[in-house]
Amino acid sequence: MKKQDEVITPAKIRSAAMDLLTGREFSRAELAKKLDKRFDSDPAIASELDRLQEEGLQSDQRFTEAFLRSRIYRGHGLARIRLDIRQKGIGDDLFNAAVEATDTDWFRLAREVADRKFGRSPATEQKDRARRMRFLQYRGFNFDQIKYALSATDAEDF
C-alpha cells in the first residue's frame, strides 16, 4: 500500500485519521488497526491517536453510544451487540455504562423484531417455533426475551 519513497510524517497520519473520522465514528482500536495497515505500524500512530482523543475528535464513549444506537435500531439484542462491540476493541465497562444510559426495553424490542420477521400469527408447529427461536437467539436476545416475544400474540400485550 505504501510507496517505497513515501515519507511518513505525523501530519500524514493525522490527515488519514481525520479522513476516516469524517465518515463515521471509529473506536481507537479500529482506527489504530487501519492506520497501522496504511503506515506500516509507524510509532507516531499512537501519539497521533492520543492527540485526537485529547482534542475530542476521537472518542470511544461516543463510538460506543453510536454503535449501540445503530444496533438497537437494526433489532439486535444485547448479547449480539456485546459480541460485535468487543470485536471493535471496546471494553465491557464502557459498554455497560452505555447500555445503562439507554432506556431500551429488550423484551419489547425482541417482540418487535419477531413481529417484523414472522408477523403476528403464532407458530403452529414445533419446527416453526424452533426456527423463530433460533432467529431471535442469533439476533442476540436471551431466553426470557425470546419466550416473551413468541408467547405474546394479542395486540393488547404489545
C-alpha atoms as a PDB file:
ATOM      1  CA  MET A   1       0.000   0.000   0.000  1.00  0.00           C
ATOM      2  CA  LYS A   2       2.760   2.404   0.905  1.00  0.00           C
ATOM      3  CA  LYS A   3       5.102   3.621  -1.762  1.00  0.00           C
ATOM      4  CA  GLN A   4       8.765   2.867  -1.177  1.00  0.00           C
ATOM      5  CA  ASP A   5       9.851   6.506  -1.286  1.00  0.00           C
ATOM      6  CA  GLU A   6       6.929   7.931   0.714  1.00  0.00           C
ATOM      7  CA  VAL A   7       7.959   9.635   3.933  1.00  0.00           C
ATOM      8  CA  ILE A   8       5.630   9.029   6.868  1.00  0.00           C
ATOM      9  CA  THR A   9       5.027  12.130   8.948  1.00  0.00           C
ATOM     10  CA  PRO A  10       2.725  12.731  11.903  1.00  0.00           C
ATOM     11  CA  ALA A  11       0.808  15.182   9.724  1.00  0.00           C
ATOM     12  CA  LYS A  12       0.092  12.462   7.150  1.00  0.00           C
ATOM     13  CA  ILE A  13      -1.030  10.081   9.872  1.00  0.00           C
ATOM     14  CA  ARG A  14      -3.305  12.734  11.371  1.00  0.00           C
ATOM     15  CA  SER A  15      -4.718  13.606   7.967  1.00  0.00           C
ATOM     16  CA  ALA A  16      -5.506   9.943   7.235  1.00  0.00           C
ATOM     17  CA  ALA A  17      -7.145   9.549  10.642  1.00  0.00           C
ATOM     18  CA  MET A  18      -9.220  12.697  10.124  1.00  0.00           C
ATOM     19  CA  ASP A  19     -10.317  11.445   6.696  1.00  0.00           C
ATOM     20  CA  LEU A  20     -11.549   8.227   8.294  1.00  0.00           C
ATOM     21  CA  LEU A  21     -13.294  10.038  11.148  1.00  0.00           C
ATOM     22  CA  THR A  22     -15.237  12.319   8.803  1.00  0.00           C
ATOM     23  CA  GLY A  23     -17.166   9.297   7.529  1.00  0.00           C
ATOM     24  CA  ARG A  24     -18.249   7.832  10.859  1.00  0.00           C
ATOM     25  CA  GLU A  25     -17.127   7.223  14.420  1.00  0.00           C
ATOM     26  CA  PHE A  26     -14.345   4.685  14.962  1.00  0.00           C
ATOM     27  CA  SER A  27     -13.079   3.098  18.135  1.00  0.00           C
ATOM     28  CA  ARG A  28      -9.451   3.781  18.941  1.00  0.00           C
ATOM     29  CA  ALA A  29      -8.578   0.135  18.291  1.00  0.00           C
ATOM     30  CA  GLU A  30     -10.298   0.178  14.887  1.00  0.00           C
ATOM     31  CA  LEU A  31      -8.610   3.415  13.903  1.00  0.00           C
ATOM     32  CA  ALA A  32      -5.213   2.148  15.061  1.00  0.00           C
ATOM     33  CA  LYS A  33      -5.647  -1.026  13.025  1.00  0.00           C
ATOM     34  CA  LYS A  34      -6.469   0.917   9.861  1.00  0.00           C
ATOM     35  CA  LEU A  35      -3.595   3.333  10.359  1.00  0.00           C
ATOM     36  CA  ASP A  36      -1.151   0.516  11.197  1.00  0.00           C
ATOM     37  CA  LYS A  37      -2.046  -1.160   7.925  1.00  0.00           C
ATOM     38  CA  ARG A  38      -1.636   2.032   5.922  1.00  0.00           C
ATOM     39  CA  PHE A  39       1.535   3.305   7.609  1.00  0.00           C
ATOM     40  CA  ASP A  40       3.292   0.016   8.432  1.00  0.00           C
ATOM     41  CA  SER A  41       2.836   0.298  12.213  1.00  0.00           C
ATOM     42  CA  ASP A  42       4.715   3.577  12.461  1.00  0.00           C
ATOM     43  CA  PRO A  43       5.471   4.548  16.086  1.00  0.00           C
ATOM     44  CA  ALA A  44       3.920   8.004  15.580  1.00  0.00           C
ATOM     45  CA  ILE A  45       0.445   6.484  15.219  1.00  0.00           C
ATOM     46  CA  ALA A  46      -0.086   6.088  18.965  1.00  0.00           C
ATOM     47  CA  SER A  47       0.842   9.674  19.730  1.00  0.00           C
ATOM     48  CA  GLU A  48      -1.447  10.981  16.976  1.00  0.00           C
ATOM     49  CA  LEU A  49      -4.306   8.876  18.320  1.00  0.00           C
ATOM     50  CA  ASP A  50      -3.652  10.265  21.807  1.00  0.00           C
ATOM     51  CA  ARG A  51      -3.772  13.771  20.373  1.00  0.00           C
ATOM     52  CA  LEU A  52      -7.050  13.106  18.562  1.00  0.00           C
ATOM     53  CA  GLN A  53      -8.569  11.813  21.798  1.00  0.00           C
ATOM     54  CA  GLU A  54      -7.365  14.812  23.796  1.00  0.00           C
ATOM     55  CA  GLU A  55      -8.918  17.147  21.230  1.00  0.00           C
ATOM     56  CA  GLY A  56     -12.205  15.232  21.355  1.00  0.00           C
ATOM     57  CA  LEU A  57     -12.035  14.226  17.709  1.00  0.00           C
ATOM     58  CA  GLN A  58     -11.973  10.527  18.550  1.00  0.00           C
ATOM     59  CA  SER A  59     -13.915   9.147  21.490  1.00  0.00           C
ATOM     60  CA  ASP A  60     -14.544   5.522  22.412  1.00  0.00           C
ATOM     61  CA  GLN A  61     -17.517   6.624  24.504  1.00  0.00           C
ATOM     62  CA  ARG A  62     -19.105   8.444  21.576  1.00  0.00           C
ATOM     63  CA  PHE A  63     -18.363   5.469  19.313  1.00  0.00           C
ATOM     64  CA  THR A  64     -19.944   3.055  21.814  1.00  0.00           C
ATOM     65  CA  GLU A  65     -23.107   5.122  22.128  1.00  0.00           C
ATOM     66  CA  ALA A  66     -23.475   5.475  18.342  1.00  0.00           C
ATOM     67  CA  PHE A  67     -22.775   1.782  17.786  1.00  0.00           C
ATOM     68  CA  LEU A  68     -25.306   0.772  20.428  1.00  0.00           C
ATOM     69  CA  ARG A  69     -27.997   3.044  18.957  1.00  0.00           C
ATOM     70  CA  SER A  70     -27.430   1.723  15.450  1.00  0.00           C
ATOM     71  CA  ARG A  71     -27.587  -1.923  16.529  1.00  0.00           C
ATOM     72  CA  ILE A  72     -30.733  -1.381  18.580  1.00  0.00           C
ATOM     73  CA  TYR A  73     -32.287   0.288  15.545  1.00  0.00           C
ATOM     74  CA  ARG A  74     -31.349  -2.781  13.467  1.00  0.00           C
ATOM     75  CA  GLY A  75     -33.106  -5.001  16.003  1.00  0.00           C
ATOM     76  CA  HIS A  76     -30.142  -6.687  17.632  1.00  0.00           C
ATOM     77  CA  GLY A  77     -30.217  -7.971  21.183  1.00  0.00           C
ATOM     78  CA  LEU A  78     -27.778  -7.259  23.956  1.00  0.00           C
ATOM     79  CA  ALA A  79     -25.691 -10.432  23.562  1.00  0.00           C
ATOM     80  CA  ARG A  80     -25.112  -9.850  19.848  1.00  0.00           C
ATOM     81  CA  ILE A  81     -24.241  -6.184  20.341  1.00  0.00           C
ATOM     82  CA  ARG A  82     -21.805  -7.065  23.135  1.00  0.00           C
ATOM     83  CA  LEU A  83     -20.069  -9.622  20.913  1.00  0.00           C
ATOM     84  CA  ASP A  84     -19.825  -7.207  17.982  1.00  0.00           C
ATOM     85  CA  ILE A  85     -18.536  -4.292  20.035  1.00  0.00           C
ATOM     86  CA  ARG A  86     -15.835  -6.398  21.683  1.00  0.00           C
ATOM     87  CA  GLN A  87     -14.504  -7.049  18.203  1.00  0.00           C
ATOM     88  CA  LYS A  88     -14.202  -3.287  17.794  1.00  0.00           C
ATOM     89  CA  GLY A  89     -11.933  -3.076  20.835  1.00  0.00           C
ATOM     90  CA  ILE A  90     -14.425  -1.657  23.341  1.00  0.00           C
ATOM     91  CA  GLY A  91     -14.245  -2.915  26.935  1.00  0.00           C
ATOM     92  CA  ASP A  92     -17.159  -4.155  28.996  1.00  0.00           C
ATOM     93  CA  ASP A  93     -17.092  -1.216  31.430  1.00  0.00           C
ATOM     94  CA  LEU A  94     -17.623   1.354  28.697  1.00  0.00           C
ATOM     95  CA  PHE A  95     -20.245  -0.808  27.005  1.00  0.00           C
ATOM     96  CA  ASN A  96     -22.173  -1.452  30.240  1.00  0.00           C
ATOM     97  CA  ALA A  97     -22.239   2.267  31.012  1.00  0.00           C
ATOM     98  CA  ALA A  98     -23.665   2.993  27.560  1.00  0.00           C
ATOM     99  CA  VAL A  99     -26.311   0.278  27.968  1.00  0.00           C
ATOM    100  CA  GLU A 100     -27.373   1.694  31.337  1.00  0.00           C
ATOM    101  CA  ALA A 101     -27.717   5.134  29.767  1.00  0.00           C
ATOM    102  CA  THR A 102     -30.235   3.832  27.225  1.00  0.00           C
ATOM    103  CA  ASP A 103     -33.789   3.118  28.214  1.00  0.00           C
ATOM    104  CA  THR A 104     -34.218   0.175  25.869  1.00  0.00           C
ATOM    105  CA  ASP A 105     -36.908  -2.354  26.674  1.00  0.00           C
ATOM    106  CA  TRP A 106     -35.209  -5.510  25.370  1.00  0.00           C
ATOM    107  CA  PHE A 107     -38.401  -7.566  25.714  1.00  0.00           C
ATOM    108  CA  ARG A 108     -40.336  -5.122  23.579  1.00  0.00           C
ATOM    109  CA  LEU A 109     -37.521  -4.971  21.029  1.00  0.00           C
ATOM    110  CA  ALA A 110     -37.467  -8.779  20.757  1.00  0.00           C
ATOM    111  CA  ARG A 111     -41.217  -8.707  20.207  1.00  0.00           C
ATOM    112  CA  GLU A 112     -40.948  -6.040  17.501  1.00  0.00           C
ATOM    113  CA  VAL A 113     -38.206  -7.981  15.713  1.00  0.00           C
ATOM    114  CA  ALA A 114     -40.270 -11.184  15.837  1.00  0.00           C
ATOM    115  CA  ASP A 115     -43.347  -9.372  14.533  1.00  0.00           C
ATOM    116  CA  ARG A 116     -41.421  -7.806  11.659  1.00  0.00           C
ATOM    117  CA  LYS A 117     -39.893 -11.113  10.645  1.00  0.00           C
ATOM    118  CA  PHE A 118     -42.763 -13.525  11.262  1.00  0.00           C
ATOM    119  CA  GLY A 119     -45.923 -11.432  11.597  1.00  0.00           C
ATOM    120  CA  ARG A 120     -48.419 -11.571  14.454  1.00  0.00           C
ATOM    121  CA  SER A 121     -49.559 -15.162  13.874  1.00  0.00           C
ATOM    122  CA  PRO A 122     -48.310 -17.696  16.412  1.00  0.00           C
ATOM    123  CA  ALA A 123     -46.143 -20.636  15.368  1.00  0.00           C
ATOM    124  CA  THR A 124     -48.393 -23.656  14.918  1.00  0.00           C
ATOM    125  CA  GLU A 125     -45.728 -26.341  14.601  1.00  0.00           C
ATOM    126  CA  GLN A 126     -42.741 -27.063  16.813  1.00  0.00           C
ATOM    127  CA  LYS A 127     -40.406 -26.820  13.792  1.00  0.00           C
ATOM    128  CA  ASP A 128     -41.618 -23.289  13.048  1.00  0.00           C
ATOM    129  CA  ARG A 129     -41.327 -22.278  16.712  1.00  0.00           C
ATOM    130  CA  ALA A 130     -37.745 -23.613  16.845  1.00  0.00           C
ATOM    131  CA  ARG A 131     -36.881 -21.643  13.699  1.00  0.00           C
ATOM    132  CA  ARG A 132     -38.211 -18.451  15.262  1.00  0.00           C
ATOM    133  CA  MET A 133     -36.294 -19.112  18.466  1.00  0.00           C
ATOM    134  CA  ARG A 134     -33.038 -19.683  16.561  1.00  0.00           C
ATOM    135  CA  PHE A 135     -33.534 -16.445  14.650  1.00  0.00           C
ATOM    136  CA  LEU A 136     -34.061 -14.406  17.813  1.00  0.00           C
ATOM    137  CA  GLN A 137     -31.171 -16.147  19.547  1.00  0.00           C
ATOM    138  CA  TYR A 138     -28.900 -15.289  16.601  1.00  0.00           C
ATOM    139  CA  ARG A 139     -30.051 -11.694  16.921  1.00  0.00           C
ATOM    140  CA  GLY A 140     -28.763 -11.696  20.500  1.00  0.00           C
ATOM    141  CA  PHE A 141     -31.844 -11.989  22.667  1.00  0.00           C
ATOM    142  CA  ASN A 142     -31.827 -14.129  25.812  1.00  0.00           C
ATOM    143  CA  PHE A 143     -34.232 -16.971  26.547  1.00  0.00           C
ATOM    144  CA  ASP A 144     -36.680 -14.889  28.596  1.00  0.00           C
ATOM    145  CA  GLN A 145     -36.874 -12.224  25.896  1.00  0.00           C
ATOM    146  CA  ILE A 146     -37.405 -14.865  23.197  1.00  0.00           C
ATOM    147  CA  LYS A 147     -40.088 -16.587  25.267  1.00  0.00           C
ATOM    148  CA  TYR A 148     -41.866 -13.258  25.760  1.00  0.00           C
ATOM    149  CA  ALA A 149     -41.611 -12.331  22.080  1.00  0.00           C
ATOM    150  CA  LEU A 150     -43.028 -15.633  20.902  1.00  0.00           C
ATOM    151  CA  SER A 151     -45.726 -16.023  23.558  1.00  0.00           C
ATOM    152  CA  ALA A 152     -47.376 -12.603  23.320  1.00  0.00           C
ATOM    153  CA  THR A 153     -49.767 -12.873  20.411  1.00  0.00           C
ATOM    154  CA  ASP A 154     -52.546 -10.493  21.433  1.00  0.00           C
ATOM    155  CA  ALA A 155     -52.422  -6.868  20.338  1.00  0.00           C
ATOM    156  CA  GLU A 156     -53.225  -5.820  23.936  1.00  0.00           C
ATOM    157  CA  ASP A 157     -49.986  -7.410  25.168  1.00  0.00           C
ATOM    158  CA  PHE A 158     -47.921  -5.254  22.853  1.00  0.00           C
END
